[in-house]
C-alpha cells in the first residue's frame, strides 16, 4: 500500500526579507508526482495533523479509481485500476481554525506499468 501524506505549514516560517519565506497554508506534502503500478492500494493521510483536521482530494481529469473522484479522511484505501496520468487538487481544513488550505500546483498521480 502507498500512503500519500498531506502536510500543511500552519504558520509563516523564515525571514520576511528572504524571498524564500514560507507562508501559512503552504503545503509541504504531497509531492508533485507519485508513480504507482495498477493494482496498488493508495490512501491519503494528514501528517502531523491536529484533532479535527479534514481533507478532500479531488481528481480533475478522471480518476485512477473507477468509482471515486473525491477522497476524504473517511475514505478507505482504494485500488488504482485505471492507467493514466491524473491531476488532483488537495484541500485541508484546519480542525482548530477552520481555515481551508489548497495546493497551488496540482500534484499528479501516474498509474502505469
PDB file of N, CA and C in Angstrom:
ATOM      1  N   UNK A   1       0.847  -1.186   0.000  1.00  0.00           N
ATOM      2  CA  UNK A   1       0.000   0.000   0.000  1.00  0.00           C
ATOM      3  C   UNK A   1       0.884   1.238   0.000  1.00  0.00           C
ATOM      4  N   UNK A   2       0.452   2.256  -0.732  1.00  0.00           N
ATOM      5  CA  UNK A   2       1.126   3.549  -0.785  1.00  0.00           C
ATOM      6  C   UNK A   2       0.299   4.542   0.035  1.00  0.00           C
ATOM      7  N   UNK A   3       0.964   5.262   0.927  1.00  0.00           N
ATOM      8  CA  UNK A   3       0.297   6.338   1.669  1.00  0.00           C
ATOM      9  C   UNK A   3       0.883   7.663   1.208  1.00  0.00           C
ATOM     10  N   UNK A   4       0.022   8.549   0.724  1.00  0.00           N
ATOM     11  CA  UNK A   4       0.445   9.882   0.302  1.00  0.00           C
ATOM     12  C   UNK A   4       0.107  10.822   1.451  1.00  0.00           C
ATOM     13  N   UNK A   5       1.133  11.463   1.994  1.00  0.00           N
ATOM     14  CA  UNK A   5       0.944  12.345   3.149  1.00  0.00           C
ATOM     15  C   UNK A   5       0.502  13.728   2.716  1.00  0.00           C
ATOM     16  N   UNK A   6      -0.343  14.317   3.541  1.00  0.00           N
ATOM     17  CA  UNK A   6      -0.758  15.716   3.376  1.00  0.00           C
ATOM     18  C   UNK A   6      -0.211  16.455   4.584  1.00  0.00           C
ATOM     19  N   UNK A   7       0.674  17.411   4.347  1.00  0.00           N
ATOM     20  CA  UNK A   7       1.262  18.185   5.443  1.00  0.00           C
ATOM     21  C   UNK A   7       1.213  19.659   5.082  1.00  0.00           C
ATOM     22  N   UNK A   8       0.667  20.464   5.962  1.00  0.00           N
ATOM     23  CA  UNK A   8       0.497  21.891   5.728  1.00  0.00           C
ATOM     24  C   UNK A   8       1.321  22.677   6.741  1.00  0.00           C
ATOM     25  N   UNK A   9       1.999  23.719   6.272  1.00  0.00           N
ATOM     26  CA  UNK A   9       2.693  24.646   7.156  1.00  0.00           C
ATOM     27  C   UNK A   9       1.626  25.574   7.745  1.00  0.00           C
ATOM     28  N   UNK A  10       1.484  25.573   9.046  1.00  0.00           N
ATOM     29  CA  UNK A  10       0.379  26.298   9.675  1.00  0.00           C
ATOM     30  C   UNK A  10       0.744  27.695  10.158  1.00  0.00           C
ATOM     31  N   UNK A  11       2.009  28.076   9.997  1.00  0.00           N
ATOM     32  CA  UNK A  11       2.411  29.448  10.340  1.00  0.00           C
ATOM     33  C   UNK A  11       3.557  29.834   9.428  1.00  0.00           C
ATOM     34  N   UNK A  12       3.740  31.147   9.244  1.00  0.00           N
ATOM     35  CA  UNK A  12       4.825  31.622   8.393  1.00  0.00           C
ATOM     36  C   UNK A  12       6.160  31.192   8.975  1.00  0.00           C
ATOM     37  N   UNK A  13       7.086  30.798   8.108  1.00  0.00           N
ATOM     38  CA  UNK A  13       8.425  30.402   8.528  1.00  0.00           C
ATOM     39  C   UNK A  13       9.444  31.101   7.662  1.00  0.00           C
ATOM     40  N   UNK A  14      10.506  31.566   8.297  1.00  0.00           N
ATOM     41  CA  UNK A  14      11.592  32.189   7.551  1.00  0.00           C
ATOM     42  C   UNK A  14      11.657  33.675   7.812  1.00  0.00           C
ATOM     43  N   UNK A  15      12.648  34.287   7.230  1.00  0.00           N
ATOM     44  CA  UNK A  15      12.898  35.716   7.380  1.00  0.00           C
ATOM     45  C   UNK A  15      12.038  36.479   6.374  1.00  0.00           C
ATOM     46  N   UNK A  16      11.291  37.460   6.829  1.00  0.00           N
ATOM     47  CA  UNK A  16      10.397  38.221   5.957  1.00  0.00           C
ATOM     48  C   UNK A  16      11.151  38.901   4.819  1.00  0.00           C
ATOM     49  N   UNK A  17      12.447  39.185   4.993  1.00  0.00           N
ATOM     50  CA  UNK A  17      13.242  39.816   3.935  1.00  0.00           C
ATOM     51  C   UNK A  17      13.733  38.797   2.905  1.00  0.00           C
ATOM     52  N   UNK A  18      13.555  37.530   3.194  1.00  0.00           N
ATOM     53  CA  UNK A  18      14.021  36.462   2.315  1.00  0.00           C
ATOM     54  C   UNK A  18      12.893  36.082   1.361  1.00  0.00           C
ATOM     55  N   UNK A  19      13.185  36.056   0.072  1.00  0.00           N
ATOM     56  CA  UNK A  19      12.142  35.722  -0.910  1.00  0.00           C
ATOM     57  C   UNK A  19      11.703  34.264  -0.790  1.00  0.00           C
ATOM     58  N   UNK A  20      12.438  33.459  -0.044  1.00  0.00           N
ATOM     59  CA  UNK A  20      12.091  32.044   0.111  1.00  0.00           C
ATOM     60  C   UNK A  20      11.249  31.782   1.357  1.00  0.00           C
ATOM     61  N   UNK A  21      10.740  32.860   1.998  1.00  0.00           N
ATOM     62  CA  UNK A  21       9.930  32.663   3.196  1.00  0.00           C
ATOM     63  C   UNK A  21       8.694  31.827   2.845  1.00  0.00           C
ATOM     64  N   UNK A  22       8.365  30.878   3.710  1.00  0.00           N
ATOM     65  CA  UNK A  22       7.187  30.039   3.510  1.00  0.00           C
ATOM     66  C   UNK A  22       6.012  30.655   4.259  1.00  0.00           C
ATOM     67  N   UNK A  23       4.922  30.819   3.573  1.00  0.00           N
ATOM     68  CA  UNK A  23       3.739  31.448   4.159  1.00  0.00           C
ATOM     69  C   UNK A  23       2.791  30.411   4.731  1.00  0.00           C
ATOM     70  N   UNK A  24       1.997  30.842   5.697  1.00  0.00           N
ATOM     71  CA  UNK A  24       0.973  29.981   6.292  1.00  0.00           C
ATOM     72  C   UNK A  24       0.105  29.388   5.185  1.00  0.00           C
ATOM     73  N   UNK A  25      -0.183  28.117   5.305  1.00  0.00           N
ATOM     74  CA  UNK A  25      -1.021  27.447   4.321  1.00  0.00           C
ATOM     75  C   UNK A  25      -0.237  26.787   3.205  1.00  0.00           C
ATOM     76  N   UNK A  26       1.101  26.899   3.237  1.00  0.00           N
ATOM     77  CA  UNK A  26       1.924  26.247   2.229  1.00  0.00           C
ATOM     78  C   UNK A  26       1.915  24.743   2.462  1.00  0.00           C
ATOM     79  N   UNK A  27       1.688  23.985   1.412  1.00  0.00           N
ATOM     80  CA  UNK A  27       1.755  22.529   1.529  1.00  0.00           C
ATOM     81  C   UNK A  27       3.205  22.093   1.431  1.00  0.00           C
ATOM     82  N   UNK A  28       3.653  21.307   2.411  1.00  0.00           N
ATOM     83  CA  UNK A  28       4.974  20.709   2.356  1.00  0.00           C
ATOM     84  C   UNK A  28       4.892  19.352   1.658  1.00  0.00           C
ATOM     85  N   UNK A  29       3.744  18.718   1.727  1.00  0.00           N
ATOM     86  CA  UNK A  29       3.437  17.483   1.005  1.00  0.00           C
ATOM     87  C   UNK A  29       1.963  17.557   0.658  1.00  0.00           C
ATOM     88  N   UNK A  30       1.459  16.962  -0.369  1.00  0.00           N
ATOM     89  CA  UNK A  30       2.013  15.861  -1.143  1.00  0.00           C
ATOM     90  C   UNK A  30       3.028  16.324  -2.178  1.00  0.00           C
ATOM     91  N   UNK A  31       3.864  15.383  -2.580  1.00  0.00           N
ATOM     92  CA  UNK A  31       4.868  15.661  -3.598  1.00  0.00           C
ATOM     93  C   UNK A  31       4.173  15.842  -4.942  1.00  0.00           C
ATOM     94  N   UNK A  32       4.819  16.555  -5.878  1.00  0.00           N
ATOM     95  CA  UNK A  32       4.163  16.858  -7.146  1.00  0.00           C
ATOM     96  C   UNK A  32       3.850  15.654  -8.025  1.00  0.00           C
ATOM     97  N   UNK A  33       4.624  14.576  -7.899  1.00  0.00           N
ATOM     98  CA  UNK A  33       4.377  13.418  -8.760  1.00  0.00           C
ATOM     99  C   UNK A  33       4.495  12.137  -7.958  1.00  0.00           C
ATOM    100  N   UNK A  34       3.492  11.291  -8.057  1.00  0.00           N
ATOM    101  CA  UNK A  34       3.544   9.952  -7.456  1.00  0.00           C
ATOM    102  C   UNK A  34       3.302   8.956  -8.581  1.00  0.00           C
ATOM    103  N   UNK A  35       4.218   8.011  -8.754  1.00  0.00           N
ATOM    104  CA  UNK A  35       4.073   6.958  -9.782  1.00  0.00           C
ATOM    105  C   UNK A  35       3.761   5.646  -9.093  1.00  0.00           C
ATOM    106  N   UNK A  36       2.701   5.010  -9.545  1.00  0.00           N
ATOM    107  CA  UNK A  36       2.325   3.719  -8.963  1.00  0.00           C
ATOM    108  C   UNK A  36       1.934   2.748 -10.067  1.00  0.00           C
ATOM    109  N   UNK A  37       2.003   1.481  -9.749  1.00  0.00           N
ATOM    110  CA  UNK A  37       1.583   0.442 -10.693  1.00  0.00           C
ATOM    111  C   UNK A  37       0.089   0.186 -10.519  1.00  0.00           C
ATOM    112  N   UNK A  38      -0.605  -0.118 -11.613  1.00  0.00           N
ATOM    113  CA  UNK A  38      -2.021  -0.505 -11.475  1.00  0.00           C
ATOM    114  C   UNK A  38      -2.140  -1.672 -10.493  1.00  0.00           C
ATOM    115  N   UNK A  39      -3.205  -1.667  -9.719  1.00  0.00           N
ATOM    116  CA  UNK A  39      -3.410  -2.695  -8.708  1.00  0.00           C
ATOM    117  C   UNK A  39      -2.863  -2.316  -7.347  1.00  0.00           C
ATOM    118  N   UNK A  40      -2.222  -1.138  -7.261  1.00  0.00           N
ATOM    119  CA  UNK A  40      -1.666  -0.674  -5.988  1.00  0.00           C
ATOM    120  C   UNK A  40      -2.759  -0.040  -5.140  1.00  0.00           C
ATOM    121  N   UNK A  41      -2.737  -0.343  -3.869  1.00  0.00           N
ATOM    122  CA  UNK A  41      -3.658   0.264  -2.917  1.00  0.00           C
ATOM    123  C   UNK A  41      -3.090   1.616  -2.488  1.00  0.00           C
ATOM    124  N   UNK A  42      -3.922   2.656  -2.517  1.00  0.00           N
ATOM    125  CA  UNK A  42      -3.471   4.020  -2.227  1.00  0.00           C
ATOM    126  C   UNK A  42      -4.399   4.657  -1.195  1.00  0.00           C
ATOM    127  N   UNK A  43      -3.793   5.398  -0.274  1.00  0.00           N
ATOM    128  CA  UNK A  43      -4.572   6.192   0.676  1.00  0.00           C
ATOM    129  C   UNK A  43      -3.859   7.520   0.923  1.00  0.00           C
ATOM    130  N   UNK A  44      -4.603   8.520   1.350  1.00  0.00           N
ATOM    131  CA  UNK A  44      -4.058   9.807   1.753  1.00  0.00           C
ATOM    132  C   UNK A  44      -4.264   9.945   3.252  1.00  0.00           C
ATOM    133  N   UNK A  45      -3.282  10.530   3.934  1.00  0.00           N
ATOM    134  CA  UNK A  45      -3.352  10.745   5.390  1.00  0.00           C
ATOM    135  C   UNK A  45      -2.736  12.102   5.707  1.00  0.00           C
ATOM    136  N   UNK A  46      -3.269  12.770   6.742  1.00  0.00           N
ATOM    137  CA  UNK A  46      -2.685  14.016   7.221  1.00  0.00           C
ATOM    138  C   UNK A  46      -1.470  13.677   8.070  1.00  0.00           C
ATOM    139  N   UNK A  47      -0.369  14.340   7.792  1.00  0.00           N
ATOM    140  CA  UNK A  47       0.876  14.124   8.538  1.00  0.00           C
ATOM    141  C   UNK A  47       0.996  15.224   9.591  1.00  0.00           C
ATOM    142  N   UNK A  48       1.249  14.826  10.836  1.00  0.00           N
ATOM    143  CA  UNK A  48       1.365  15.768  11.958  1.00  0.00           C
ATOM    144  C   UNK A  48       0.162  16.715  12.006  1.00  0.00           C
ATOM    145  N   UNK A  49      -1.020  16.133  11.921  1.00  0.00           N
ATOM    146  CA  UNK A  49      -2.230  16.941  11.910  1.00  0.00           C
ATOM    147  C   UNK A  49      -2.715  17.313  13.294  1.00  0.00           C
ATOM    148  N   UNK A  50      -3.759  18.102  13.289  1.00  0.00           N
ATOM    149  CA  UNK A  50      -4.451  18.487  14.525  1.00  0.00           C
ATOM    150  C   UNK A  50      -5.742  17.686  14.616  1.00  0.00           C
ATOM    151  N   UNK A  51      -6.225  17.558  15.821  1.00  0.00           N
ATOM    152  CA  UNK A  51      -7.521  16.908  16.000  1.00  0.00           C
ATOM    153  C   UNK A  51      -8.569  17.699  15.219  1.00  0.00           C
ATOM    154  N   UNK A  52      -9.375  17.003  14.469  1.00  0.00           N
ATOM    155  CA  UNK A  52     -10.441  17.653  13.706  1.00  0.00           C
ATOM    156  C   UNK A  52     -10.049  18.070  12.298  1.00  0.00           C
ATOM    157  N   UNK A  53      -8.764  17.908  11.917  1.00  0.00           N
ATOM    158  CA  UNK A  53      -8.374  18.215  10.544  1.00  0.00           C
ATOM    159  C   UNK A  53      -9.161  17.333   9.579  1.00  0.00           C
ATOM    160  N   UNK A  54      -9.607  17.925   8.482  1.00  0.00           N
ATOM    161  CA  UNK A  54     -10.269  17.165   7.438  1.00  0.00           C
ATOM    162  C   UNK A  54      -9.629  17.518   6.099  1.00  0.00           C
ATOM    163  N   UNK A  55      -9.793  16.644   5.127  1.00  0.00           N
ATOM    164  CA  UNK A  55      -9.243  16.950   3.809  1.00  0.00           C
ATOM    165  C   UNK A  55     -10.120  16.385   2.717  1.00  0.00           C
ATOM    166  N   UNK A  56      -9.917  16.931   1.518  1.00  0.00           N
ATOM    167  CA  UNK A  56     -10.539  16.415   0.302  1.00  0.00           C
ATOM    168  C   UNK A  56      -9.454  16.321  -0.748  1.00  0.00           C
ATOM    169  N   UNK A  57      -9.453  15.231  -1.466  1.00  0.00           N
ATOM    170  CA  UNK A  57      -8.627  15.049  -2.655  1.00  0.00           C
ATOM    171  C   UNK A  57      -9.617  14.905  -3.803  1.00  0.00           C
ATOM    172  N   UNK A  58      -9.527  15.814  -4.772  1.00  0.00           N
ATOM    173  CA  UNK A  58     -10.469  15.813  -5.893  1.00  0.00           C
ATOM    174  C   UNK A  58      -9.687  15.643  -7.189  1.00  0.00           C
ATOM    175  N   UNK A  59     -10.033  14.647  -7.968  1.00  0.00           N
ATOM    176  CA  UNK A  59      -9.385  14.420  -9.258  1.00  0.00           C
ATOM    177  C   UNK A  59     -10.026  15.322 -10.302  1.00  0.00           C
ATOM    178  N   UNK A  60      -9.188  15.929 -11.130  1.00  0.00           N
ATOM    179  CA  UNK A  60      -9.651  16.943 -12.076  1.00  0.00           C
ATOM    180  C   UNK A  60      -9.875  16.411 -13.489  1.00  0.00           C
ATOM    181  N   UNK A  61      -9.192  15.346 -13.856  1.00  0.00           N
ATOM    182  CA  UNK A  61      -9.277  14.864 -15.243  1.00  0.00           C
ATOM    183  C   UNK A  61      -9.474  13.346 -15.283  1.00  0.00           C
ATOM    184  N   UNK A  62     -10.457  12.878 -14.558  1.00  0.00           N
ATOM    185  CA  UNK A  62     -10.654  11.437 -14.427  1.00  0.00           C
ATOM    186  C   UNK A  62      -9.978  10.953 -13.164  1.00  0.00           C
ATOM    187  N   UNK A  63     -10.077   9.668 -12.900  1.00  0.00           N
ATOM    188  CA  UNK A  63      -9.557   9.130 -11.654  1.00  0.00           C
ATOM    189  C   UNK A  63      -8.964   7.743 -11.882  1.00  0.00           C
ATOM    190  N   UNK A  64      -7.867   7.418 -11.177  1.00  0.00           N
ATOM    191  CA  UNK A  64      -7.325   6.062 -11.261  1.00  0.00           C
ATOM    192  C   UNK A  64      -8.209   5.051 -10.522  1.00  0.00           C
ATOM    193  N   UNK A  65      -9.167   5.566  -9.769  1.00  0.00           N
ATOM    194  CA  UNK A  65     -10.096   4.732  -9.002  1.00  0.00           C
ATOM    195  C   UNK A  65     -11.456   4.816  -9.680  1.00  0.00           C
ATOM    196  N   UNK A  66     -11.928   3.750 -10.309  1.00  0.00           N
ATOM    197  CA  UNK A  66     -13.110   3.831 -11.168  1.00  0.00           C
ATOM    198  C   UNK A  66     -14.373   4.354 -10.493  1.00  0.00           C
ATOM    199  N   UNK A  67     -14.521   4.136  -9.201  1.00  0.00           N
ATOM    200  CA  UNK A  67     -15.764   4.537  -8.539  1.00  0.00           C
ATOM    201  C   UNK A  67     -15.629   5.784  -7.686  1.00  0.00           C
ATOM    202  N   UNK A  68     -14.510   6.519  -7.806  1.00  0.00           N
ATOM    203  CA  UNK A  68     -14.325   7.649  -6.901  1.00  0.00           C
ATOM    204  C   UNK A  68     -13.528   8.772  -7.542  1.00  0.00           C
ATOM    205  N   UNK A  69     -14.106   9.984  -7.525  1.00  0.00           N
ATOM    206  CA  UNK A  69     -13.375  11.170  -7.965  1.00  0.00           C
ATOM    207  C   UNK A  69     -13.047  12.077  -6.785  1.00  0.00           C
ATOM    208  N   UNK A  70     -13.540  11.737  -5.587  1.00  0.00           N
ATOM    209  CA  UNK A  70     -13.263  12.528  -4.383  1.00  0.00           C
ATOM    210  C   UNK A  70     -12.919  11.590  -3.238  1.00  0.00           C
ATOM    211  N   UNK A  71     -11.881  11.943  -2.499  1.00  0.00           N
ATOM    212  CA  UNK A  71     -11.409  11.145  -1.369  1.00  0.00           C
ATOM    213  C   UNK A  71     -11.358  12.056  -0.156  1.00  0.00           C
ATOM    214  N   UNK A  72     -11.721  11.542   1.019  1.00  0.00           N
ATOM    215  CA  UNK A  72     -11.657  12.311   2.255  1.00  0.00           C
ATOM    216  C   UNK A  72     -10.931  11.493   3.313  1.00  0.00           C
ATOM    217  N   UNK A  73     -10.818  12.063   4.497  1.00  0.00           N
ATOM    218  CA  UNK A  73     -10.167  11.364   5.609  1.00  0.00           C
ATOM    219  C   UNK A  73     -10.952  10.111   6.013  1.00  0.00           C
ATOM    220  N   UNK A  74     -12.202  10.015   5.620  1.00  0.00           N
ATOM    221  CA  UNK A  74     -13.022   8.848   5.952  1.00  0.00           C
ATOM    222  C   UNK A  74     -12.922   7.738   4.906  1.00  0.00           C
ATOM    223  N   UNK A  75     -12.296   8.031   3.762  1.00  0.00           N
ATOM    224  CA  UNK A  75     -12.192   7.035   2.688  1.00  0.00           C
ATOM    225  C   UNK A  75     -11.233   5.917   3.071  1.00  0.00           C
ATOM    226  N   UNK A  76     -11.594   4.716   2.700  1.00  0.00           N
ATOM    227  CA  UNK A  76     -10.702   3.566   2.899  1.00  0.00           C
ATOM    228  C   UNK A  76      -9.677   3.569   1.769  1.00  0.00           C
ATOM    229  N   UNK A  77      -8.546   2.866   1.946  1.00  0.00           N
ATOM    230  CA  UNK A  77      -7.591   2.746   0.834  1.00  0.00           C
ATOM    231  C   UNK A  77      -8.288   2.177  -0.401  1.00  0.00           C
ATOM    232  N   UNK A  78      -7.890   2.687  -1.567  1.00  0.00           N
ATOM    233  CA  UNK A  78      -8.515   2.277  -2.815  1.00  0.00           C
ATOM    234  C   UNK A  78      -7.482   1.673  -3.749  1.00  0.00           C
ATOM    235  N   UNK A  79      -7.928   0.808  -4.615  1.00  0.00           N
ATOM    236  CA  UNK A  79      -7.060   0.151  -5.582  1.00  0.00           C
ATOM    237  C   UNK A  79      -7.089   0.943  -6.891  1.00  0.00           C
ATOM    238  N   UNK A  80      -5.902   1.398  -7.327  1.00  0.00           N
ATOM    239  CA  UNK A  80      -5.803   2.100  -8.603  1.00  0.00           C
ATOM    240  C   UNK A  80      -5.901   1.077  -9.729  1.00  0.00           C
ATOM    241  N   UNK A  81      -6.904   1.240 -10.584  1.00  0.00           N
ATOM    242  CA  UNK A  81      -7.081   0.260 -11.652  1.00  0.00           C
ATOM    243  C   UNK A  81      -7.161   0.886 -13.040  1.00  0.00           C
ATOM    244  N   UNK A  82      -7.231   2.204 -13.113  1.00  0.00           N
ATOM    245  CA  UNK A  82      -7.274   2.885 -14.401  1.00  0.00           C
ATOM    246  C   UNK A  82      -5.881   3.440 -14.695  1.00  0.00           C
ATOM    247  N   UNK A  83      -5.323   3.064 -15.842  1.00  0.00           N
ATOM    248  CA  UNK A  83      -3.986   3.531 -16.228  1.00  0.00           C
ATOM    249  C   UNK A  83      -4.098   4.945 -16.786  1.00  0.00           C
ATOM    250  N   UNK A  84      -3.152   5.805 -16.400  1.00  0.00           N
ATOM    251  CA  UNK A  84      -3.133   7.163 -16.922  1.00  0.00           C
ATOM    252  C   UNK A  84      -2.411   8.110 -15.997  1.00  0.00           C
ATOM    253  N   UNK A  85      -2.455   9.379 -16.371  1.00  0.00           N
ATOM    254  CA  UNK A  85      -1.856  10.451 -15.581  1.00  0.00           C
ATOM    255  C   UNK A  85      -2.998  11.336 -15.104  1.00  0.00           C
ATOM    256  N   UNK A  86      -3.146  11.450 -13.799  1.00  0.00           N
ATOM    257  CA  UNK A  86      -4.306  12.127 -13.218  1.00  0.00           C
ATOM    258  C   UNK A  86      -3.859  13.291 -12.341  1.00  0.00           C
ATOM    259  N   UNK A  87      -4.401  14.466 -12.625  1.00  0.00           N
ATOM    260  CA  UNK A  87      -4.140  15.636 -11.782  1.00  0.00           C
ATOM    261  C   UNK A  87      -5.174  15.646 -10.669  1.00  0.00           C
ATOM    262  N   UNK A  88      -4.701  16.064  -9.476  1.00  0.00           N
ATOM    263  CA  UNK A  88      -5.649  16.166  -8.375  1.00  0.00           C
ATOM    264  C   UNK A  88      -5.382  17.421  -7.552  1.00  0.00           C
ATOM    265  N   UNK A  89      -6.414  17.880  -6.875  1.00  0.00           N
ATOM    266  CA  UNK A  89      -6.355  19.058  -6.012  1.00  0.00           C
ATOM    267  C   UNK A  89      -6.557  18.585  -4.581  1.00  0.00           C
ATOM    268  N   UNK A  90      -5.784  19.147  -3.656  1.00  0.00           N
ATOM    269  CA  UNK A  90      -5.906  18.787  -2.244  1.00  0.00           C
ATOM    270  C   UNK A  90      -6.350  20.014  -1.461  1.00  0.00           C
ATOM    271  N   UNK A  91      -7.327  19.824  -0.592  1.00  0.00           N
ATOM    272  CA  UNK A  91      -7.785  20.862   0.333  1.00  0.00           C
ATOM    273  C   UNK A  91      -7.707  20.289   1.733  1.00  0.00           C
ATOM    274  N   UNK A  92      -7.153  21.048   2.670  1.00  0.00           N
ATOM    275  CA  UNK A  92      -7.137  20.641   4.070  1.00  0.00           C
ATOM    276  C   UNK A  92      -7.822  21.731   4.879  1.00  0.00           C
ATOM    277  N   UNK A  93      -8.767  21.335   5.720  1.00  0.00           N
ATOM    278  CA  UNK A  93      -9.424  22.278   6.622  1.00  0.00           C
ATOM    279  C   UNK A  93      -8.880  22.040   8.016  1.00  0.00           C
ATOM    280  N   UNK A  94      -8.302  23.090   8.587  1.00  0.00           N
ATOM    281  CA  UNK A  94      -7.689  23.031   9.912  1.00  0.00           C
ATOM    282  C   UNK A  94      -8.771  22.803  10.960  1.00  0.00           C
ATOM    283  N   UNK A  95      -8.565  21.794  11.804  1.00  0.00           N
ATOM    284  CA  UNK A  95      -9.548  21.429  12.811  1.00  0.00           C
ATOM    285  C   UNK A  95      -9.745  22.478  13.888  1.00  0.00           C
ATOM    286  N   UNK A  96      -8.759  23.349  14.092  1.00  0.00           N
ATOM    287  CA  UNK A  96      -8.854  24.369  15.137  1.00  0.00           C
ATOM    288  C   UNK A  96      -9.374  25.698  14.598  1.00  0.00           C
ATOM    289  N   UNK A  97      -8.792  26.163  13.491  1.00  0.00           N
ATOM    290  CA  UNK A  97      -9.148  27.487  12.959  1.00  0.00           C
ATOM    291  C   UNK A  97     -10.239  27.428  11.904  1.00  0.00           C
ATOM    292  N   UNK A  98     -10.469  26.244  11.353  1.00  0.00           N
ATOM    293  CA  UNK A  98     -11.437  26.021  10.279  1.00  0.00           C
ATOM    294  C   UNK A  98     -11.042  26.716   8.976  1.00  0.00           C
ATOM    295  N   UNK A  99      -9.782  27.147   8.870  1.00  0.00           N
ATOM    296  CA  UNK A  99      -9.270  27.676   7.605  1.00  0.00           C
ATOM    297  C   UNK A  99      -9.070  26.512   6.651  1.00  0.00           C
ATOM    298  N   UNK A 100      -9.325  26.754   5.373  1.00  0.00           N
ATOM    299  CA  UNK A 100      -9.088  25.737   4.355  1.00  0.00           C
ATOM    300  C   UNK A 100      -7.897  26.162   3.515  1.00  0.00           C
ATOM    301  N   UNK A 101      -6.961  25.253   3.371  1.00  0.00           N
ATOM    302  CA  UNK A 101      -5.765  25.478   2.581  1.00  0.00           C
ATOM    303  C   UNK A 101      -5.841  24.602   1.341  1.00  0.00           C
ATOM    304  N   UNK A 102      -5.364  25.121   0.204  1.00  0.00           N
ATOM    305  CA  UNK A 102      -5.385  24.376  -1.053  1.00  0.00           C
ATOM    306  C   UNK A 102      -3.987  24.310  -1.644  1.00  0.00           C
ATOM    307  N   UNK A 103      -3.666  23.200  -2.296  1.00  0.00           N
ATOM    308  CA  UNK A 103      -2.410  23.075  -3.028  1.00  0.00           C
ATOM    309  C   UNK A 103      -2.493  23.997  -4.242  1.00  0.00           C
ATOM    310  N   UNK A 104      -1.491  24.846  -4.429  1.00  0.00           N
ATOM    311  CA  UNK A 104      -1.494  25.769  -5.563  1.00  0.00           C
ATOM    312  C   UNK A 104      -1.186  25.065  -6.882  1.00  0.00           C
ATOM    313  N   UNK A 105      -0.218  24.180  -6.868  1.00  0.00           N
ATOM    314  CA  UNK A 105       0.180  23.483  -8.092  1.00  0.00           C
ATOM    315  C   UNK A 105      -0.254  22.032  -7.965  1.00  0.00           C
ATOM    316  N   UNK A 106      -1.127  21.617  -8.853  1.00  0.00           N
ATOM    317  CA  UNK A 106      -1.756  20.306  -8.734  1.00  0.00           C
ATOM    318  C   UNK A 106      -0.743  19.175  -8.772  1.00  0.00           C
ATOM    319  N   UNK A 107      -0.780  18.295  -7.789  1.00  0.00           N
ATOM    320  CA  UNK A 107       0.033  17.086  -7.853  1.00  0.00           C
ATOM    321  C   UNK A 107      -0.520  16.141  -8.932  1.00  0.00           C
ATOM    322  N   UNK A 108       0.310  15.179  -9.311  1.00  0.00           N
ATOM    323  CA  UNK A 108      -0.070  14.213 -10.349  1.00  0.00           C
ATOM    324  C   UNK A 108       0.121  12.805  -9.788  1.00  0.00           C
ATOM    325  N   UNK A 109      -0.866  11.958 -10.042  1.00  0.00           N
ATOM    326  CA  UNK A 109      -0.777  10.535  -9.729  1.00  0.00           C
ATOM    327  C   UNK A 109      -0.730   9.806 -11.069  1.00  0.00           C
ATOM    328  N   UNK A 110       0.404   9.147 -11.338  1.00  0.00           N
ATOM    329  CA  UNK A 110       0.601   8.465 -12.608  1.00  0.00           C
ATOM    330  C   UNK A 110       0.524   6.961 -12.358  1.00  0.00           C
ATOM    331  N   UNK A 111      -0.431   6.298 -13.013  1.00  0.00           N
ATOM    332  CA  UNK A 111      -0.545   4.842 -12.879  1.00  0.00           C
ATOM    333  C   UNK A 111      -0.148   4.222 -14.212  1.00  0.00           C
ATOM    334  N   UNK A 112       0.903   3.438 -14.162  1.00  0.00           N
ATOM    335  CA  UNK A 112       1.421   2.835 -15.376  1.00  0.00           C
ATOM    336  C   UNK A 112       2.288   1.637 -14.996  1.00  0.00           C
ATOM    337  N   UNK A 113       2.381   0.689 -15.897  1.00  0.00           N
ATOM    338  CA  UNK A 113       3.224  -0.496 -15.661  1.00  0.00           C
ATOM    339  C   UNK A 113       4.695  -0.161 -15.705  1.00  0.00           C
TER     340      UNK A 113
END
